[in-house]
Every structure is written in C-alpha cells, then in structure tokens.
Amino acid sequence: MDNLLSNSFSTKVPLNIQLRDKTLKGFVAGNTLSAYSIFEVHLSGGDIFLIEAIPQEEYSSFYWSSLVKDELKKVVPLIGKIIERSFGKPRAIPQ
C-alpha cells in the first residue's frame, strides 16, 4: 500500500504500545473521529494498515475493525482507544 492516504490526513499521532513480548512504535494518521472514520496505521517494522471506527450506539463507543495480519489483530482495539483519545472531540475539563 502506498502512502497516498496518509498525505490526505490532517493529523499524525505517535504510537508506542508496550506488549508482553515487544514494543510497537509508529504513528496513526487521520482526521476527526466520527462513525465509520478510517485511520492509517504505520508501524516501525514496515506494517501499514487501515483501521475503521464502527459505532456501537448502545455503548456510546466504537468497535475497531481492520484487515490485518493475525499477530496484529490483538493490538487493533488498543490502537482504537488511542485514536478515541487523540482524534475524538475535546472534552470539557471539570472545574
């Protein structure tokens, strides 16, 4: 996959995910989080894949879907949570 998509995204957020046996580093490229948004994930090992935000109305959250290698499937929800924090709407800070 070439990097045509990542050039159209407005924001890149670094990734640093510590797993039991390794650390995944890279970045996520995307725009504001909304239903069915697509984000592009680039890992330092050369893996590039897309991740999609599928709304779960009953939970006010997202299910994260991706066609990715089996060994990376377990990190898709973790990356999704990072996306929710980084690309979601800013939350008001309680005073």
C-alpha atoms as a PDB file:
ATOM      1  CA  MET A   1       0.000   0.000   0.000  1.00  0.00           C
ATOM      2  CA  ASP A   2       1.455   3.347  -0.877  1.00  0.00           C
ATOM      3  CA  ASN A   3       1.165   6.405   1.341  1.00  0.00           C
ATOM      4  CA  LEU A   4      -1.465   8.260  -0.688  1.00  0.00           C
ATOM      5  CA  LEU A   5      -3.981   8.143   2.152  1.00  0.00           C
ATOM      6  CA  SER A   6      -1.669   9.436   4.874  1.00  0.00           C
ATOM      7  CA  ASN A   7      -0.948  12.517   2.770  1.00  0.00           C
ATOM      8  CA  SER A   8      -4.649  13.461   2.907  1.00  0.00           C
ATOM      9  CA  PHE A   9      -4.932  13.204   6.699  1.00  0.00           C
ATOM     10  CA  SER A  10      -4.565  16.330   8.810  1.00  0.00           C
ATOM     11  CA  THR A  11      -3.145  14.775  11.976  1.00  0.00           C
ATOM     12  CA  LYS A  12      -0.487  12.201  12.848  1.00  0.00           C
ATOM     13  CA  VAL A  13      -0.273  10.803  16.373  1.00  0.00           C
ATOM     14  CA  PRO A  14       2.731   8.762  17.562  1.00  0.00           C
ATOM     15  CA  LEU A  15       2.214   5.207  18.824  1.00  0.00           C
ATOM     16  CA  ASN A  16       4.247   3.464  21.497  1.00  0.00           C
ATOM     17  CA  ILE A  17       2.445   0.310  22.678  1.00  0.00           C
ATOM     18  CA  GLN A  18       4.166  -1.953  25.198  1.00  0.00           C
ATOM     19  CA  LEU A  19       3.116  -5.583  24.792  1.00  0.00           C
ATOM     20  CA  ARG A  20       4.261  -8.514  26.886  1.00  0.00           C
ATOM     21  CA  ASP A  21       6.917  -9.606  24.386  1.00  0.00           C
ATOM     22  CA  LYS A  22       7.655  -6.446  22.354  1.00  0.00           C
ATOM     23  CA  THR A  23       7.043  -2.735  21.864  1.00  0.00           C
ATOM     24  CA  LEU A  24       5.182  -1.425  18.823  1.00  0.00           C
ATOM     25  CA  LYS A  25       6.153   2.034  17.647  1.00  0.00           C
ATOM     26  CA  GLY A  26       4.869   4.096  14.752  1.00  0.00           C
ATOM     27  CA  PHE A  27       2.066   6.554  14.127  1.00  0.00           C
ATOM     28  CA  VAL A  28      -1.625   6.838  13.252  1.00  0.00           C
ATOM     29  CA  ALA A  29      -2.736   9.282  10.557  1.00  0.00           C
ATOM     30  CA  GLY A  30      -6.311  10.535  10.415  1.00  0.00           C
ATOM     31  CA  ASN A  31      -8.849  13.291  10.762  1.00  0.00           C
ATOM     32  CA  THR A  32     -11.561  13.928  13.368  1.00  0.00           C
ATOM     33  CA  LEU A  33     -13.108  10.758  14.775  1.00  0.00           C
ATOM     34  CA  SER A  34     -16.672  10.048  13.652  1.00  0.00           C
ATOM     35  CA  ALA A  35     -18.730   6.994  12.706  1.00  0.00           C
ATOM     36  CA  TYR A  36     -17.000   4.905  10.038  1.00  0.00           C
ATOM     37  CA  SER A  37     -13.856   7.068  10.028  1.00  0.00           C
ATOM     38  CA  ILE A  38     -10.794   5.436   8.501  1.00  0.00           C
ATOM     39  CA  PHE A  39      -7.327   5.826  10.027  1.00  0.00           C
ATOM     40  CA  GLU A  40      -3.999   4.699   8.617  1.00  0.00           C
ATOM     41  CA  VAL A  41      -1.565   2.941  10.976  1.00  0.00           C
ATOM     42  CA  HIS A  42       2.173   2.864  10.240  1.00  0.00           C
ATOM     43  CA  LEU A  43       4.362   0.644  12.429  1.00  0.00           C
ATOM     44  CA  SER A  44       8.146   0.951  12.560  1.00  0.00           C
ATOM     45  CA  GLY A  45       8.554  -2.628  11.282  1.00  0.00           C
ATOM     46  CA  GLY A  46       7.051  -1.546   7.961  1.00  0.00           C
ATOM     47  CA  ASP A  47       3.478  -2.718   8.546  1.00  0.00           C
ATOM     48  CA  ILE A  48       0.838  -0.309   7.213  1.00  0.00           C
ATOM     49  CA  PHE A  49      -2.872  -0.971   7.620  1.00  0.00           C
ATOM     50  CA  LEU A  50      -6.225   0.767   7.848  1.00  0.00           C
ATOM     51  CA  ILE A  51      -8.474   0.748  10.896  1.00  0.00           C
ATOM     52  CA  GLU A  52     -12.173   1.727  10.856  1.00  0.00           C
ATOM     53  CA  ALA A  53     -14.341   3.146  13.653  1.00  0.00           C
ATOM     54  CA  ILE A  54     -17.678   1.313  13.699  1.00  0.00           C
ATOM     55  CA  PRO A  55     -20.164   2.899  16.112  1.00  0.00           C
ATOM     56  CA  GLN A  56     -21.676   0.894  18.952  1.00  0.00           C
ATOM     57  CA  GLU A  57     -24.676   3.056  19.788  1.00  0.00           C
ATOM     58  CA  GLU A  58     -25.676   1.105  22.885  1.00  0.00           C
ATOM     59  CA  TYR A  59     -22.266   1.747  24.461  1.00  0.00           C
ATOM     60  CA  SER A  60     -21.504   5.242  23.097  1.00  0.00           C
ATOM     61  CA  SER A  61     -18.187   3.925  21.849  1.00  0.00           C
ATOM     62  CA  PHE A  62     -16.599   2.314  18.809  1.00  0.00           C
ATOM     63  CA  TYR A  63     -15.749  -1.175  17.655  1.00  0.00           C
ATOM     64  CA  TRP A  64     -12.458  -1.129  15.754  1.00  0.00           C
ATOM     65  CA  SER A  65     -12.197  -3.169  12.572  1.00  0.00           C
ATOM     66  CA  SER A  66      -9.160  -3.902  10.424  1.00  0.00           C
ATOM     67  CA  LEU A  67      -7.991  -6.412   7.855  1.00  0.00           C
ATOM     68  CA  VAL A  68      -4.585  -7.019   9.367  1.00  0.00           C
ATOM     69  CA  LYS A  69      -2.227  -9.954   9.939  1.00  0.00           C
ATOM     70  CA  ASP A  70      -3.249 -12.302  12.755  1.00  0.00           C
ATOM     71  CA  GLU A  71      -0.336 -11.301  15.001  1.00  0.00           C
ATOM     72  CA  LEU A  72      -1.501  -7.655  14.889  1.00  0.00           C
ATOM     73  CA  LYS A  73      -5.232  -8.285  15.464  1.00  0.00           C
ATOM     74  CA  LYS A  74      -4.818  -8.066  19.257  1.00  0.00           C
ATOM     75  CA  VAL A  75      -3.486  -4.503  19.056  1.00  0.00           C
ATOM     76  CA  VAL A  76      -6.348  -3.127  16.913  1.00  0.00           C
ATOM     77  CA  PRO A  77      -8.574  -2.347  19.968  1.00  0.00           C
ATOM     78  CA  LEU A  78      -5.588  -0.754  21.762  1.00  0.00           C
ATOM     79  CA  ILE A  79      -4.857   1.455  18.770  1.00  0.00           C
ATOM     80  CA  GLY A  80      -8.579   2.259  18.623  1.00  0.00           C
ATOM     81  CA  LYS A  81      -8.514   3.571  22.192  1.00  0.00           C
ATOM     82  CA  ILE A  82      -5.529   5.761  21.334  1.00  0.00           C
ATOM     83  CA  ILE A  83      -7.469   7.072  18.333  1.00  0.00           C
ATOM     84  CA  GLU A  84     -10.511   7.815  20.530  1.00  0.00           C
ATOM     85  CA  ARG A  85      -8.354   9.865  22.912  1.00  0.00           C
ATOM     86  CA  SER A  86      -6.326  11.616  20.219  1.00  0.00           C
ATOM     87  CA  PHE A  87      -8.830  12.223  17.414  1.00  0.00           C
ATOM     88  CA  GLY A  88     -12.091  12.479  19.372  1.00  0.00           C
ATOM     89  CA  LYS A  89     -13.843  15.687  20.281  1.00  0.00           C
ATOM     90  CA  PRO A  90     -12.110  17.615  23.050  1.00  0.00           C
ATOM     91  CA  ARG A  91     -13.744  17.060  26.401  1.00  0.00           C
ATOM     92  CA  ALA A  92     -14.510  19.857  28.781  1.00  0.00           C
ATOM     93  CA  ILE A  93     -12.217  19.930  31.800  1.00  0.00           C
ATOM     94  CA  PRO A  94     -14.233  19.892  35.038  1.00  0.00           C
ATOM     95  CA  GLN A  95     -13.625  22.958  37.184  1.00  0.00           C
END
